[in-house]
């Protein structure tokens, strides 16, 4: 058989093409799983920041007084405390969130003058 008469693919060529396709599919699946974890972590981070921002706005809109409390959302917990020092109100918030790498803690502090 001459080179011009050859039609089709050999078994080795088909196996190599299948192997390359399988490796590509596994890479795509792995990156999809990593993206899903990052999206979940980002959602928890955003929820935690929303809790902190809302608490900050609420506390600074009220008269100066010391108080404590906690807030919860799916995947996020937040504890807060206000401290009055002289004519200044300080809000200290601790936000804990969980993702695939474990627990993370963010601490937010804000202050405003007492009027």
C-alpha atoms as a PDB file:
ATOM      1  CA  UNK A   1       0.000   0.000   0.000  1.00  0.00           C
ATOM      2  CA  UNK A   2       1.412   3.373  -0.954  1.00  0.00           C
ATOM      3  CA  UNK A   3       1.097   6.560   1.068  1.00  0.00           C
ATOM      4  CA  UNK A   4      -1.530   7.936  -1.336  1.00  0.00           C
ATOM      5  CA  UNK A   5      -3.849   4.978  -0.752  1.00  0.00           C
ATOM      6  CA  UNK A   6      -3.943   5.321   3.075  1.00  0.00           C
ATOM      7  CA  UNK A   7      -7.383   6.306   4.401  1.00  0.00           C
ATOM      8  CA  UNK A   8      -8.569   6.800   7.997  1.00  0.00           C
ATOM      9  CA  UNK A   9      -6.677   6.865  11.274  1.00  0.00           C
ATOM     10  CA  UNK A  10      -4.615   4.266  13.069  1.00  0.00           C
ATOM     11  CA  UNK A  11      -5.595   2.948  16.468  1.00  0.00           C
ATOM     12  CA  UNK A  12      -2.637   4.735  18.100  1.00  0.00           C
ATOM     13  CA  UNK A  13      -3.736   8.092  16.663  1.00  0.00           C
ATOM     14  CA  UNK A  14      -7.280   7.592  17.967  1.00  0.00           C
ATOM     15  CA  UNK A  15      -6.003   6.655  21.459  1.00  0.00           C
ATOM     16  CA  UNK A  16      -3.730   9.695  21.624  1.00  0.00           C
ATOM     17  CA  UNK A  17      -6.544  12.007  20.503  1.00  0.00           C
ATOM     18  CA  UNK A  18      -8.850  10.505  23.160  1.00  0.00           C
ATOM     19  CA  UNK A  19      -6.181  10.956  25.838  1.00  0.00           C
ATOM     20  CA  UNK A  20      -5.668  14.620  24.901  1.00  0.00           C
ATOM     21  CA  UNK A  21      -9.433  15.211  24.981  1.00  0.00           C
ATOM     22  CA  UNK A  22      -9.755  13.511  28.382  1.00  0.00           C
ATOM     23  CA  UNK A  23      -6.946  15.607  29.889  1.00  0.00           C
ATOM     24  CA  UNK A  24      -8.608  18.774  28.594  1.00  0.00           C
ATOM     25  CA  UNK A  25     -11.977  17.747  30.036  1.00  0.00           C
ATOM     26  CA  UNK A  26     -10.415  17.018  33.445  1.00  0.00           C
ATOM     27  CA  UNK A  27      -8.712  20.411  33.429  1.00  0.00           C
ATOM     28  CA  UNK A  28     -12.004  22.107  32.628  1.00  0.00           C
ATOM     29  CA  UNK A  29     -13.784  20.235  35.428  1.00  0.00           C
ATOM     30  CA  UNK A  30     -11.084  21.162  37.953  1.00  0.00           C
ATOM     31  CA  UNK A  31     -11.188  24.840  37.047  1.00  0.00           C
ATOM     32  CA  UNK A  32     -14.999  24.831  37.256  1.00  0.00           C
ATOM     33  CA  UNK A  33     -14.843  23.451  40.798  1.00  0.00           C
ATOM     34  CA  UNK A  34     -12.282  26.087  41.806  1.00  0.00           C
ATOM     35  CA  UNK A  35     -14.482  28.830  40.346  1.00  0.00           C
ATOM     36  CA  UNK A  36     -17.498  27.531  42.285  1.00  0.00           C
ATOM     37  CA  UNK A  37     -15.498  27.663  45.550  1.00  0.00           C
ATOM     38  CA  UNK A  38     -14.357  31.211  44.797  1.00  0.00           C
ATOM     39  CA  UNK A  39     -17.907  32.339  44.014  1.00  0.00           C
ATOM     40  CA  UNK A  40     -19.145  30.894  47.325  1.00  0.00           C
ATOM     41  CA  UNK A  41     -16.317  32.569  49.264  1.00  0.00           C
ATOM     42  CA  UNK A  42     -17.020  35.860  47.515  1.00  0.00           C
ATOM     43  CA  UNK A  43     -20.702  35.606  48.429  1.00  0.00           C
ATOM     44  CA  UNK A  44     -19.855  35.069  52.112  1.00  0.00           C
ATOM     45  CA  UNK A  45     -17.386  37.961  52.046  1.00  0.00           C
ATOM     46  CA  UNK A  46     -20.004  40.211  50.455  1.00  0.00           C
ATOM     47  CA  UNK A  47     -22.649  39.134  52.984  1.00  0.00           C
ATOM     48  CA  UNK A  48     -20.265  39.867  55.855  1.00  0.00           C
ATOM     49  CA  UNK A  49     -19.449  43.297  54.506  1.00  0.00           C
ATOM     50  CA  UNK A  50     -23.162  44.014  54.059  1.00  0.00           C
ATOM     51  CA  UNK A  51     -23.805  43.100  57.702  1.00  0.00           C
ATOM     52  CA  UNK A  52     -20.952  45.369  58.838  1.00  0.00           C
ATOM     53  CA  UNK A  53     -22.090  48.292  56.675  1.00  0.00           C
ATOM     54  CA  UNK A  54     -25.705  48.004  57.802  1.00  0.00           C
ATOM     55  CA  UNK A  55     -24.733  47.788  61.475  1.00  0.00           C
ATOM     56  CA  UNK A  56     -22.423  50.779  61.059  1.00  0.00           C
ATOM     57  CA  UNK A  57     -25.198  52.908  59.557  1.00  0.00           C
ATOM     58  CA  UNK A  58     -27.717  51.855  62.214  1.00  0.00           C
ATOM     59  CA  UNK A  59     -25.434  52.420  65.209  1.00  0.00           C
ATOM     60  CA  UNK A  60     -24.200  55.824  64.076  1.00  0.00           C
ATOM     61  CA  UNK A  61     -27.770  56.982  63.400  1.00  0.00           C
ATOM     62  CA  UNK A  62     -28.758  56.384  67.048  1.00  0.00           C
ATOM     63  CA  UNK A  63     -27.843  58.454  70.102  1.00  0.00           C
ATOM     64  CA  UNK A  64     -24.482  57.642  71.693  1.00  0.00           C
ATOM     65  CA  UNK A  65     -24.831  54.677  74.033  1.00  0.00           C
ATOM     66  CA  UNK A  66     -22.844  51.563  74.759  1.00  0.00           C
ATOM     67  CA  UNK A  67     -24.365  48.378  73.380  1.00  0.00           C
ATOM     68  CA  UNK A  68     -23.496  44.910  72.099  1.00  0.00           C
ATOM     69  CA  UNK A  69     -25.148  42.450  69.754  1.00  0.00           C
ATOM     70  CA  UNK A  70     -24.738  39.891  67.027  1.00  0.00           C
ATOM     71  CA  UNK A  71     -25.985  39.303  63.502  1.00  0.00           C
ATOM     72  CA  UNK A  72     -26.212  36.129  61.451  1.00  0.00           C
ATOM     73  CA  UNK A  73     -26.550  35.302  57.780  1.00  0.00           C
ATOM     74  CA  UNK A  74     -25.910  32.039  55.904  1.00  0.00           C
ATOM     75  CA  UNK A  75     -22.186  31.293  56.250  1.00  0.00           C
ATOM     76  CA  UNK A  76     -21.485  34.501  58.213  1.00  0.00           C
ATOM     77  CA  UNK A  77     -21.729  35.592  61.849  1.00  0.00           C
ATOM     78  CA  UNK A  78     -21.031  39.032  63.216  1.00  0.00           C
ATOM     79  CA  UNK A  79     -20.568  40.345  66.755  1.00  0.00           C
ATOM     80  CA  UNK A  80     -20.453  44.043  67.496  1.00  0.00           C
ATOM     81  CA  UNK A  81     -19.869  46.364  70.403  1.00  0.00           C
ATOM     82  CA  UNK A  82     -20.038  50.137  70.860  1.00  0.00           C
ATOM     83  CA  UNK A  83     -17.822  52.074  73.233  1.00  0.00           C
ATOM     84  CA  UNK A  84     -18.351  55.710  74.204  1.00  0.00           C
ATOM     85  CA  UNK A  85     -15.146  57.589  74.979  1.00  0.00           C
ATOM     86  CA  UNK A  86     -15.653  61.235  75.808  1.00  0.00           C
ATOM     87  CA  UNK A  87     -17.666  62.658  72.930  1.00  0.00           C
ATOM     88  CA  UNK A  88     -16.869  59.850  70.499  1.00  0.00           C
ATOM     89  CA  UNK A  89     -18.697  56.601  69.732  1.00  0.00           C
ATOM     90  CA  UNK A  90     -16.549  53.710  68.496  1.00  0.00           C
ATOM     91  CA  UNK A  91     -18.100  50.672  66.836  1.00  0.00           C
ATOM     92  CA  UNK A  92     -16.057  47.461  66.802  1.00  0.00           C
ATOM     93  CA  UNK A  93     -17.367  44.625  64.621  1.00  0.00           C
ATOM     94  CA  UNK A  94     -16.005  41.099  64.274  1.00  0.00           C
ATOM     95  CA  UNK A  95     -17.252  39.257  61.193  1.00  0.00           C
ATOM     96  CA  UNK A  96     -16.561  35.504  60.876  1.00  0.00           C
ATOM     97  CA  UNK A  97     -17.117  33.669  57.619  1.00  0.00           C
ATOM     98  CA  UNK A  98     -16.390  30.159  56.426  1.00  0.00           C
ATOM     99  CA  UNK A  99     -15.131  28.978  53.046  1.00  0.00           C
ATOM    100  CA  UNK A 100     -13.321  25.954  51.627  1.00  0.00           C
ATOM    101  CA  UNK A 101     -10.056  26.953  53.338  1.00  0.00           C
ATOM    102  CA  UNK A 102     -11.596  27.339  56.812  1.00  0.00           C
ATOM    103  CA  UNK A 103     -12.750  30.207  59.009  1.00  0.00           C
ATOM    104  CA  UNK A 104     -11.779  33.814  58.348  1.00  0.00           C
ATOM    105  CA  UNK A 105     -12.212  36.732  60.735  1.00  0.00           C
ATOM    106  CA  UNK A 106     -12.491  40.370  59.669  1.00  0.00           C
ATOM    107  CA  UNK A 107     -12.493  43.193  62.217  1.00  0.00           C
ATOM    108  CA  UNK A 108     -14.007  46.555  61.315  1.00  0.00           C
ATOM    109  CA  UNK A 109     -13.719  49.669  63.466  1.00  0.00           C
ATOM    110  CA  UNK A 110     -15.441  52.968  62.944  1.00  0.00           C
ATOM    111  CA  UNK A 111     -15.900  56.088  65.047  1.00  0.00           C
ATOM    112  CA  UNK A 112     -18.192  59.077  64.964  1.00  0.00           C
ATOM    113  CA  UNK A 113     -18.631  62.122  67.186  1.00  0.00           C
ATOM    114  CA  UNK A 114     -21.496  62.104  69.674  1.00  0.00           C
ATOM    115  CA  UNK A 115     -23.869  64.990  69.100  1.00  0.00           C
END
